[in-house]
């Protein structure tokens, strides 16, 4: 009889710790995703500096990708002598394209909200998409990025300065 009572009590205690521990819910997952993005942008900045390459992060409605940029000098009449940056996707495990299922992004850069595109857009349409450029000197396009879930009032803001400093802020702290 005492063994049954002990087993029941252990079962209750275990179920309570599972319920309270859990996975943290949507707010915790949102924070993890925002932190992952901050870490990846920092790593891309380090790669740009180490390889002396231009990089960029291109944002879509529910995803983002990293690109290495090649510096080309224009040779046709419209862009003769101008510096042109041509992007190629970085397809490795770290900098692969990331889809944010259930999350939404808003990018504010250079004083205005930038357009977020669809994955199906042509390359011509991609030119006007929200993007953060990272130079070989470590400078980045200043930006403010909101990562949120539509039904959740809680969100995270990633702020990037032109010197490459990145800050993650919780909407509860704003």
N, C-alpha and C. Protein backbone atom coordinates (compact mmCIF):
# COMPACT_ATOMS: atom_id res chain seq x y z
N UNK A 1 0.82 -1.19 0.00
CA UNK A 1 0.00 0.00 0.00
C UNK A 1 0.87 1.26 0.00
N UNK A 2 1.91 1.28 0.87
CA UNK A 2 2.79 2.44 0.91
C UNK A 2 3.52 2.62 -0.41
N UNK A 3 3.85 1.51 -1.06
CA UNK A 3 4.53 1.56 -2.35
C UNK A 3 3.63 2.23 -3.40
N UNK A 4 2.34 1.94 -3.38
CA UNK A 4 1.38 2.55 -4.30
C UNK A 4 1.29 4.05 -4.07
N UNK A 5 1.25 4.46 -2.81
CA UNK A 5 1.18 5.88 -2.49
C UNK A 5 2.43 6.60 -2.99
N UNK A 6 3.60 5.98 -2.76
CA UNK A 6 4.86 6.57 -3.22
C UNK A 6 4.86 6.69 -4.74
N UNK A 7 4.41 5.64 -5.45
CA UNK A 7 4.37 5.66 -6.91
C UNK A 7 3.41 6.73 -7.43
N UNK A 8 2.26 6.87 -6.79
CA UNK A 8 1.30 7.90 -7.21
C UNK A 8 1.89 9.29 -6.99
N UNK A 9 2.51 9.50 -5.83
CA UNK A 9 3.13 10.80 -5.56
C UNK A 9 4.25 11.10 -6.55
N UNK A 10 5.06 10.12 -6.89
CA UNK A 10 6.13 10.32 -7.88
C UNK A 10 5.53 10.65 -9.25
N UNK A 11 4.45 9.98 -9.60
CA UNK A 11 3.78 10.26 -10.87
C UNK A 11 3.26 11.68 -10.93
N UNK A 12 2.67 12.14 -9.84
CA UNK A 12 2.14 13.51 -9.78
C UNK A 12 3.29 14.52 -9.90
N UNK A 13 4.36 14.28 -9.17
CA UNK A 13 5.50 15.20 -9.21
C UNK A 13 6.12 15.24 -10.60
N UNK A 14 6.29 14.08 -11.23
CA UNK A 14 6.85 14.04 -12.59
C UNK A 14 5.95 14.75 -13.59
N UNK A 15 4.65 14.55 -13.49
CA UNK A 15 3.75 15.21 -14.45
C UNK A 15 3.75 16.72 -14.25
N UNK A 16 3.89 17.19 -13.03
CA UNK A 16 3.94 18.63 -12.77
C UNK A 16 5.22 19.23 -13.33
N UNK A 17 6.34 18.55 -13.18
CA UNK A 17 7.59 19.10 -13.72
C UNK A 17 7.57 19.10 -15.24
N UNK A 18 6.95 18.12 -15.86
CA UNK A 18 6.83 18.09 -17.32
C UNK A 18 5.96 19.24 -17.80
N UNK A 19 4.85 19.48 -17.11
CA UNK A 19 3.95 20.56 -17.52
C UNK A 19 4.59 21.93 -17.35
N UNK A 20 5.30 22.14 -16.25
CA UNK A 20 5.89 23.46 -16.02
C UNK A 20 7.16 23.65 -16.84
N UNK A 21 7.91 22.60 -17.10
CA UNK A 21 9.13 22.70 -17.90
C UNK A 21 8.80 22.93 -19.36
N UNK A 22 8.11 22.00 -19.96
CA UNK A 22 7.66 22.09 -21.33
C UNK A 22 8.72 22.58 -22.29
N UNK A 23 8.28 23.11 -23.44
CA UNK A 23 9.21 23.66 -24.42
C UNK A 23 9.26 25.18 -24.36
N UNK A 24 8.57 25.78 -23.41
CA UNK A 24 8.58 27.22 -23.26
C UNK A 24 7.50 27.92 -24.04
N UNK A 25 6.79 27.21 -24.87
CA UNK A 25 5.70 27.80 -25.64
C UNK A 25 6.17 28.67 -26.78
N UNK A 26 5.23 29.33 -27.44
CA UNK A 26 5.56 30.13 -28.62
C UNK A 26 6.50 31.30 -28.33
N UNK A 27 6.39 31.92 -27.19
CA UNK A 27 7.25 33.06 -26.87
C UNK A 27 8.72 32.62 -26.76
N UNK A 28 8.94 31.47 -26.16
CA UNK A 28 10.31 30.95 -26.03
C UNK A 28 10.88 30.57 -27.40
N UNK A 29 10.08 29.95 -28.24
CA UNK A 29 10.53 29.57 -29.58
C UNK A 29 10.84 30.82 -30.41
N UNK A 30 10.03 31.84 -30.23
CA UNK A 30 10.25 33.11 -30.93
C UNK A 30 11.59 33.72 -30.53
N UNK A 31 11.88 33.70 -29.24
CA UNK A 31 13.15 34.23 -28.75
C UNK A 31 14.33 33.43 -29.32
N UNK A 32 14.19 32.11 -29.37
CA UNK A 32 15.25 31.26 -29.93
C UNK A 32 15.50 31.59 -31.40
N UNK A 33 14.42 31.80 -32.15
CA UNK A 33 14.56 32.12 -33.57
C UNK A 33 15.23 33.48 -33.76
N UNK A 34 14.84 34.47 -32.96
CA UNK A 34 15.46 35.80 -33.04
C UNK A 34 16.95 35.72 -32.67
N UNK A 35 17.27 34.96 -31.63
CA UNK A 35 18.66 34.79 -31.21
C UNK A 35 19.46 34.08 -32.30
N UNK A 36 18.87 33.08 -32.95
CA UNK A 36 19.54 32.37 -34.05
C UNK A 36 19.89 33.34 -35.18
N UNK A 37 18.95 34.21 -35.53
CA UNK A 37 19.18 35.18 -36.59
C UNK A 37 20.30 36.15 -36.23
N UNK A 38 20.33 36.63 -34.99
CA UNK A 38 21.41 37.51 -34.53
C UNK A 38 22.76 36.80 -34.67
N UNK A 39 22.81 35.56 -34.22
CA UNK A 39 24.05 34.78 -34.28
C UNK A 39 24.50 34.57 -35.72
N UNK A 40 23.56 34.26 -36.61
CA UNK A 40 23.92 34.04 -38.01
C UNK A 40 24.41 35.33 -38.68
N UNK A 41 23.80 36.45 -38.37
CA UNK A 41 24.27 37.72 -38.95
C UNK A 41 25.67 38.04 -38.44
N UNK A 42 25.93 37.78 -37.16
CA UNK A 42 27.28 37.99 -36.61
C UNK A 42 28.30 37.09 -37.30
N UNK A 43 27.92 35.84 -37.51
CA UNK A 43 28.82 34.90 -38.18
C UNK A 43 29.07 35.31 -39.63
N UNK A 44 28.01 35.78 -40.32
CA UNK A 44 28.17 36.23 -41.71
C UNK A 44 29.10 37.45 -41.76
N UNK A 45 29.00 38.32 -40.78
CA UNK A 45 29.88 39.49 -40.70
C UNK A 45 31.33 39.04 -40.53
N UNK A 46 31.56 38.06 -39.67
CA UNK A 46 32.90 37.53 -39.47
C UNK A 46 33.44 36.90 -40.75
N UNK A 47 32.59 36.15 -41.45
CA UNK A 47 32.99 35.54 -42.73
C UNK A 47 33.35 36.62 -43.75
N UNK A 48 32.56 37.67 -43.83
CA UNK A 48 32.82 38.76 -44.77
C UNK A 48 34.17 39.40 -44.48
N UNK A 49 34.49 39.60 -43.21
CA UNK A 49 35.77 40.20 -42.83
C UNK A 49 36.92 39.25 -43.15
N UNK A 50 36.79 37.99 -42.73
CA UNK A 50 37.87 37.02 -42.92
C UNK A 50 38.15 36.74 -44.40
N UNK A 51 37.11 36.68 -45.22
CA UNK A 51 37.27 36.36 -46.64
C UNK A 51 37.40 37.60 -47.52
N UNK A 52 37.29 38.78 -46.91
CA UNK A 52 37.31 40.05 -47.66
C UNK A 52 36.27 40.03 -48.77
N UNK A 53 35.02 39.65 -48.40
CA UNK A 53 33.91 39.56 -49.35
C UNK A 53 32.74 40.42 -48.87
N UNK A 54 31.92 40.81 -49.82
CA UNK A 54 30.66 41.46 -49.48
C UNK A 54 29.61 40.36 -49.33
N UNK A 55 28.80 40.47 -48.28
CA UNK A 55 27.70 39.52 -48.05
C UNK A 55 26.42 40.32 -47.89
N UNK A 56 25.30 39.62 -47.94
CA UNK A 56 24.03 40.24 -47.63
C UNK A 56 23.06 39.20 -47.11
N UNK A 57 22.07 39.70 -46.37
CA UNK A 57 20.96 38.87 -45.91
C UNK A 57 19.73 39.41 -46.64
N UNK A 58 19.01 38.53 -47.35
CA UNK A 58 17.81 38.93 -48.08
C UNK A 58 16.62 38.38 -47.31
N UNK A 59 15.62 39.24 -47.07
CA UNK A 59 14.46 38.85 -46.27
C UNK A 59 13.21 38.70 -47.13
N UNK A 60 12.48 37.63 -46.87
CA UNK A 60 11.18 37.37 -47.49
C UNK A 60 10.13 37.46 -46.39
N UNK A 61 8.87 37.23 -46.74
CA UNK A 61 7.80 37.32 -45.74
C UNK A 61 8.01 36.36 -44.57
N UNK A 62 8.44 35.15 -44.86
CA UNK A 62 8.57 34.15 -43.80
C UNK A 62 9.89 33.39 -43.88
N UNK A 63 10.92 34.01 -44.47
CA UNK A 63 12.21 33.34 -44.57
C UNK A 63 13.31 34.36 -44.83
N UNK A 64 14.54 33.89 -44.81
CA UNK A 64 15.68 34.73 -45.13
C UNK A 64 16.80 33.86 -45.67
N UNK A 65 17.70 34.47 -46.43
CA UNK A 65 18.84 33.72 -46.97
C UNK A 65 20.07 34.63 -46.99
N UNK A 66 21.23 34.00 -47.03
CA UNK A 66 22.50 34.71 -47.08
C UNK A 66 23.07 34.58 -48.48
N UNK A 67 23.69 35.66 -48.94
CA UNK A 67 24.33 35.66 -50.25
C UNK A 67 25.72 36.25 -50.15
N UNK A 68 26.65 35.67 -50.95
CA UNK A 68 27.95 36.27 -51.15
C UNK A 68 27.82 37.17 -52.37
N UNK A 69 28.43 38.32 -52.30
CA UNK A 69 28.34 39.26 -53.42
C UNK A 69 29.68 39.36 -54.13
N UNK A 70 29.60 39.32 -55.46
CA UNK A 70 30.81 39.52 -56.27
C UNK A 70 30.82 40.97 -56.73
N UNK A 71 32.00 41.57 -56.68
CA UNK A 71 32.15 42.94 -57.17
C UNK A 71 32.52 42.87 -58.65
N UNK A 72 31.67 43.43 -59.46
CA UNK A 72 31.92 43.48 -60.90
C UNK A 72 31.91 44.93 -61.34
N UNK A 73 32.64 45.23 -62.38
CA UNK A 73 32.62 46.57 -62.93
C UNK A 73 31.77 46.52 -64.19
N UNK A 74 30.76 47.40 -64.26
CA UNK A 74 29.86 47.41 -65.39
C UNK A 74 30.58 47.74 -66.69
N UNK A 75 30.17 47.04 -67.75
CA UNK A 75 30.82 47.27 -69.04
C UNK A 75 29.87 47.76 -70.11
N UNK A 76 28.55 47.68 -69.89
CA UNK A 76 27.65 48.19 -70.92
C UNK A 76 27.42 49.68 -70.72
N UNK A 77 26.71 50.30 -71.64
CA UNK A 77 26.54 51.76 -71.66
C UNK A 77 25.90 52.28 -70.38
N UNK A 78 24.85 51.58 -69.86
CA UNK A 78 24.11 52.08 -68.69
C UNK A 78 24.94 52.10 -67.42
N UNK A 79 25.83 51.13 -67.26
CA UNK A 79 26.55 51.05 -66.00
C UNK A 79 28.06 50.96 -66.18
N UNK A 80 28.58 51.52 -67.24
CA UNK A 80 30.02 51.46 -67.52
C UNK A 80 30.82 52.06 -66.37
N UNK A 81 31.73 51.28 -65.84
CA UNK A 81 32.59 51.72 -64.77
C UNK A 81 31.99 51.69 -63.37
N UNK A 82 30.68 51.44 -63.27
CA UNK A 82 30.03 51.40 -61.95
C UNK A 82 30.31 50.05 -61.28
N UNK A 83 30.33 50.09 -59.95
CA UNK A 83 30.50 48.87 -59.18
C UNK A 83 29.16 48.15 -59.08
N UNK A 84 29.13 46.89 -59.48
CA UNK A 84 27.90 46.10 -59.44
C UNK A 84 28.13 44.94 -58.48
N UNK A 85 27.16 44.69 -57.63
CA UNK A 85 27.24 43.55 -56.73
C UNK A 85 26.29 42.46 -57.22
N UNK A 86 26.84 41.30 -57.51
CA UNK A 86 26.03 40.19 -57.99
C UNK A 86 26.01 39.11 -56.92
N UNK A 87 24.82 38.70 -56.51
CA UNK A 87 24.70 37.75 -55.40
C UNK A 87 24.65 36.31 -55.83
N UNK A 88 25.23 35.45 -55.01
CA UNK A 88 25.07 34.01 -55.18
C UNK A 88 24.76 33.43 -53.80
N UNK A 89 23.75 32.57 -53.73
CA UNK A 89 23.33 32.00 -52.45
C UNK A 89 24.45 31.23 -51.79
N UNK A 90 24.51 31.32 -50.49
CA UNK A 90 25.45 30.52 -49.71
C UNK A 90 24.69 29.26 -49.30
N UNK A 91 25.07 28.15 -49.88
CA UNK A 91 24.36 26.90 -49.60
C UNK A 91 25.23 25.96 -48.79
N UNK A 92 25.33 26.23 -47.52
CA UNK A 92 25.98 25.28 -46.62
C UNK A 92 25.09 25.12 -45.40
N UNK A 93 25.47 24.25 -44.50
CA UNK A 93 24.60 23.96 -43.35
C UNK A 93 24.35 25.17 -42.47
N UNK A 94 25.33 26.03 -42.33
CA UNK A 94 25.19 27.17 -41.43
C UNK A 94 24.36 28.27 -42.07
N UNK A 95 24.69 28.64 -43.29
CA UNK A 95 24.06 29.80 -43.93
C UNK A 95 23.00 29.41 -44.97
N UNK A 96 22.38 28.29 -44.78
CA UNK A 96 21.32 27.86 -45.71
C UNK A 96 20.09 28.77 -45.57
N UNK A 97 19.22 28.71 -46.56
CA UNK A 97 18.00 29.49 -46.49
C UNK A 97 17.16 28.95 -45.33
N UNK A 98 16.62 29.85 -44.53
CA UNK A 98 15.84 29.47 -43.35
C UNK A 98 14.40 29.92 -43.52
N UNK A 99 13.49 29.00 -43.32
CA UNK A 99 12.06 29.32 -43.37
C UNK A 99 11.56 29.43 -41.94
N UNK A 100 10.80 30.47 -41.67
CA UNK A 100 10.29 30.73 -40.33
C UNK A 100 8.80 30.40 -40.30
N UNK A 101 8.47 29.15 -40.18
CA UNK A 101 7.06 28.78 -40.23
C UNK A 101 6.31 29.35 -39.02
N UNK A 102 5.31 30.17 -39.32
CA UNK A 102 4.50 30.78 -38.27
C UNK A 102 5.01 32.13 -37.79
N UNK A 103 6.23 32.52 -38.19
CA UNK A 103 6.81 33.78 -37.77
C UNK A 103 6.73 34.79 -38.90
N UNK A 104 6.74 36.06 -38.55
CA UNK A 104 6.72 37.13 -39.53
C UNK A 104 7.87 38.09 -39.26
N UNK A 105 8.36 38.71 -40.31
CA UNK A 105 9.46 39.66 -40.21
C UNK A 105 9.01 41.02 -40.73
N UNK A 106 9.48 42.08 -40.11
CA UNK A 106 9.33 43.45 -40.60
C UNK A 106 10.71 44.09 -40.52
N UNK A 107 11.14 44.68 -41.62
CA UNK A 107 12.48 45.28 -41.67
C UNK A 107 12.36 46.78 -41.89
N UNK A 108 13.00 47.54 -41.02
CA UNK A 108 13.08 48.99 -41.16
C UNK A 108 14.54 49.32 -41.41
N UNK A 109 14.82 49.92 -42.56
CA UNK A 109 16.19 50.25 -42.90
C UNK A 109 16.20 51.57 -43.67
N UNK A 110 17.20 52.38 -43.40
CA UNK A 110 17.35 53.67 -44.06
C UNK A 110 16.08 54.51 -43.93
N UNK A 111 15.43 54.42 -42.76
CA UNK A 111 14.29 55.27 -42.45
C UNK A 111 12.94 54.83 -42.99
N UNK A 112 12.86 53.68 -43.65
CA UNK A 112 11.56 53.24 -44.15
C UNK A 112 11.41 51.73 -44.02
N UNK A 113 10.16 51.30 -43.98
CA UNK A 113 9.87 49.86 -43.91
C UNK A 113 10.14 49.27 -45.28
N UNK A 114 10.90 48.21 -45.32
CA UNK A 114 11.29 47.59 -46.58
C UNK A 114 10.30 46.50 -46.97
N UNK A 115 10.16 46.33 -48.26
CA UNK A 115 9.24 45.33 -48.80
C UNK A 115 9.83 43.93 -48.61
N UNK A 116 8.98 43.02 -48.14
CA UNK A 116 9.36 41.62 -48.02
C UNK A 116 8.70 40.87 -49.15
N UNK A 117 9.45 40.06 -49.84
CA UNK A 117 8.93 39.40 -51.03
C UNK A 117 8.49 37.98 -50.79
N UNK A 118 8.04 37.37 -51.86
CA UNK A 118 7.66 35.96 -51.87
C UNK A 118 8.82 35.15 -52.41
N UNK A 119 8.89 33.90 -52.03
CA UNK A 119 9.95 33.02 -52.48
C UNK A 119 9.89 32.84 -54.00
N UNK A 120 8.70 32.96 -54.59
CA UNK A 120 8.51 32.69 -56.02
C UNK A 120 8.89 33.85 -56.92
N UNK A 121 9.36 34.96 -56.37
CA UNK A 121 9.64 36.13 -57.19
C UNK A 121 10.82 35.90 -58.10
N UNK A 122 10.81 36.58 -59.25
CA UNK A 122 11.92 36.48 -60.19
C UNK A 122 13.09 37.31 -59.66
N UNK A 123 14.25 37.14 -60.28
CA UNK A 123 15.44 37.88 -59.81
C UNK A 123 15.26 39.37 -59.98
N UNK A 124 14.55 39.83 -61.03
CA UNK A 124 14.32 41.26 -61.21
C UNK A 124 13.51 41.82 -60.05
N UNK A 125 12.51 41.05 -59.58
CA UNK A 125 11.69 41.50 -58.47
C UNK A 125 12.46 41.53 -57.16
N UNK A 126 13.47 40.66 -57.04
CA UNK A 126 14.24 40.56 -55.80
C UNK A 126 15.10 41.79 -55.54
N UNK A 127 15.36 42.58 -56.56
CA UNK A 127 16.23 43.75 -56.40
C UNK A 127 15.70 44.70 -55.32
N UNK A 128 14.40 44.84 -55.21
CA UNK A 128 13.83 45.80 -54.27
C UNK A 128 13.50 45.19 -52.90
N UNK A 129 13.89 43.96 -52.66
CA UNK A 129 13.58 43.33 -51.38
C UNK A 129 14.42 43.89 -50.24
N UNK A 130 13.92 43.69 -49.02
CA UNK A 130 14.65 44.09 -47.82
C UNK A 130 15.93 43.26 -47.74
N UNK A 131 17.02 43.96 -47.53
CA UNK A 131 18.30 43.27 -47.42
C UNK A 131 19.24 44.05 -46.53
N UNK A 132 20.13 43.32 -45.90
CA UNK A 132 21.18 43.93 -45.08
C UNK A 132 22.49 43.59 -45.77
N UNK A 133 23.25 44.60 -46.13
CA UNK A 133 24.54 44.35 -46.75
C UNK A 133 25.63 44.39 -45.68
N UNK A 134 26.61 43.50 -45.86
CA UNK A 134 27.72 43.38 -44.93
C UNK A 134 29.00 43.55 -45.74
N UNK A 135 29.80 44.56 -45.41
CA UNK A 135 31.01 44.83 -46.19
C UNK A 135 32.21 44.10 -45.60
N UNK A 136 33.28 43.96 -46.38
CA UNK A 136 34.50 43.31 -45.88
C UNK A 136 35.13 44.04 -44.69
N UNK A 137 34.77 45.30 -44.50
CA UNK A 137 35.30 46.06 -43.36
C UNK A 137 34.51 45.77 -42.08
N UNK A 138 33.38 45.04 -42.23
CA UNK A 138 32.55 44.71 -41.07
C UNK A 138 31.38 45.65 -40.89
N UNK A 139 31.29 46.68 -41.72
CA UNK A 139 30.15 47.59 -41.63
C UNK A 139 28.92 46.91 -42.21
N UNK A 140 27.75 47.25 -41.66
CA UNK A 140 26.51 46.69 -42.17
C UNK A 140 25.49 47.80 -42.41
N UNK A 141 24.49 47.49 -43.21
CA UNK A 141 23.39 48.42 -43.41
C UNK A 141 22.66 48.57 -42.07
N UNK A 142 22.54 49.78 -41.53
CA UNK A 142 21.79 49.93 -40.27
C UNK A 142 20.35 49.46 -40.48
N UNK A 143 19.83 48.74 -39.51
CA UNK A 143 18.47 48.20 -39.65
C UNK A 143 17.82 47.98 -38.31
N UNK A 144 16.51 47.80 -38.36
CA UNK A 144 15.72 47.36 -37.22
C UNK A 144 14.80 46.27 -37.76
N UNK A 145 14.84 45.11 -37.15
CA UNK A 145 14.09 43.95 -37.63
C UNK A 145 13.18 43.44 -36.52
N UNK A 146 11.89 43.37 -36.79
CA UNK A 146 10.94 42.81 -35.83
C UNK A 146 10.65 41.38 -36.20
N UNK A 147 10.77 40.48 -35.23
CA UNK A 147 10.43 39.08 -35.42
C UNK A 147 9.24 38.81 -34.53
N UNK A 148 8.11 38.38 -35.12
CA UNK A 148 6.91 38.21 -34.31
C UNK A 148 6.03 37.08 -34.85
N UNK A 149 5.08 36.68 -34.03
CA UNK A 149 4.04 35.72 -34.41
C UNK A 149 2.75 36.52 -34.46
N UNK A 150 1.96 36.30 -35.49
CA UNK A 150 0.76 37.12 -35.70
C UNK A 150 -0.17 37.17 -34.49
N UNK A 151 -0.44 36.05 -33.85
CA UNK A 151 -1.42 36.01 -32.77
C UNK A 151 -0.82 36.33 -31.40
N UNK A 152 0.46 36.61 -31.36
CA UNK A 152 1.13 36.87 -30.09
C UNK A 152 1.53 38.35 -30.04
N UNK A 153 1.17 39.04 -28.98
CA UNK A 153 1.53 40.45 -28.85
C UNK A 153 3.03 40.63 -28.63
N UNK A 154 3.65 39.62 -28.12
CA UNK A 154 5.07 39.64 -27.79
C UNK A 154 5.91 39.55 -29.07
N UNK A 155 7.00 40.31 -29.15
CA UNK A 155 7.90 40.24 -30.31
C UNK A 155 9.31 40.62 -29.88
N UNK A 156 10.25 40.38 -30.77
CA UNK A 156 11.65 40.73 -30.52
C UNK A 156 12.12 41.67 -31.61
N UNK A 157 13.00 42.59 -31.22
CA UNK A 157 13.55 43.57 -32.15
C UNK A 157 15.06 43.36 -32.21
N UNK A 158 15.57 43.21 -33.43
CA UNK A 158 17.01 43.11 -33.64
C UNK A 158 17.44 44.44 -34.24
N UNK A 159 18.39 45.10 -33.60
CA UNK A 159 18.87 46.39 -34.07
C UNK A 159 20.33 46.24 -34.48
N UNK A 160 20.62 46.67 -35.71
CA UNK A 160 21.98 46.61 -36.22
C UNK A 160 22.50 48.00 -36.52
N UNK A 161 23.68 48.32 -36.01
CA UNK A 161 24.28 49.63 -36.28
C UNK A 161 25.22 49.51 -37.47
N UNK A 162 25.59 50.63 -38.06
CA UNK A 162 26.46 50.61 -39.23
C UNK A 162 27.83 50.02 -38.91
N UNK A 163 28.22 49.99 -37.64
CA UNK A 163 29.51 49.44 -37.25
C UNK A 163 29.47 47.94 -37.00
N UNK A 164 28.30 47.33 -37.20
CA UNK A 164 28.18 45.89 -37.05
C UNK A 164 27.71 45.43 -35.69
N UNK A 165 27.41 46.36 -34.80
CA UNK A 165 26.89 45.99 -33.48
C UNK A 165 25.45 45.51 -33.62
N UNK A 166 25.12 44.38 -33.00
CA UNK A 166 23.77 43.84 -33.03
C UNK A 166 23.23 43.74 -31.62
N UNK A 167 21.97 44.18 -31.46
CA UNK A 167 21.31 44.13 -30.17
C UNK A 167 19.97 43.45 -30.33
N UNK A 168 19.65 42.54 -29.41
CA UNK A 168 18.36 41.87 -29.40
C UNK A 168 17.56 42.42 -28.22
N UNK A 169 16.38 42.97 -28.51
CA UNK A 169 15.54 43.52 -27.45
C UNK A 169 14.19 42.81 -27.43
N UNK A 170 13.70 42.62 -26.23
CA UNK A 170 12.40 42.01 -25.99
C UNK A 170 11.36 43.12 -25.98
N UNK A 171 10.20 42.90 -26.62
CA UNK A 171 9.17 43.95 -26.66
C UNK A 171 8.68 44.32 -25.27
N UNK A 172 8.82 43.43 -24.32
CA UNK A 172 8.41 43.73 -22.94
C UNK A 172 9.33 44.77 -22.32
N UNK A 173 10.56 44.89 -22.83
CA UNK A 173 11.53 45.82 -22.30
C UNK A 173 11.52 47.17 -23.01
N UNK A 174 10.74 47.29 -24.06
CA UNK A 174 10.72 48.55 -24.85
C UNK A 174 9.80 49.57 -24.25
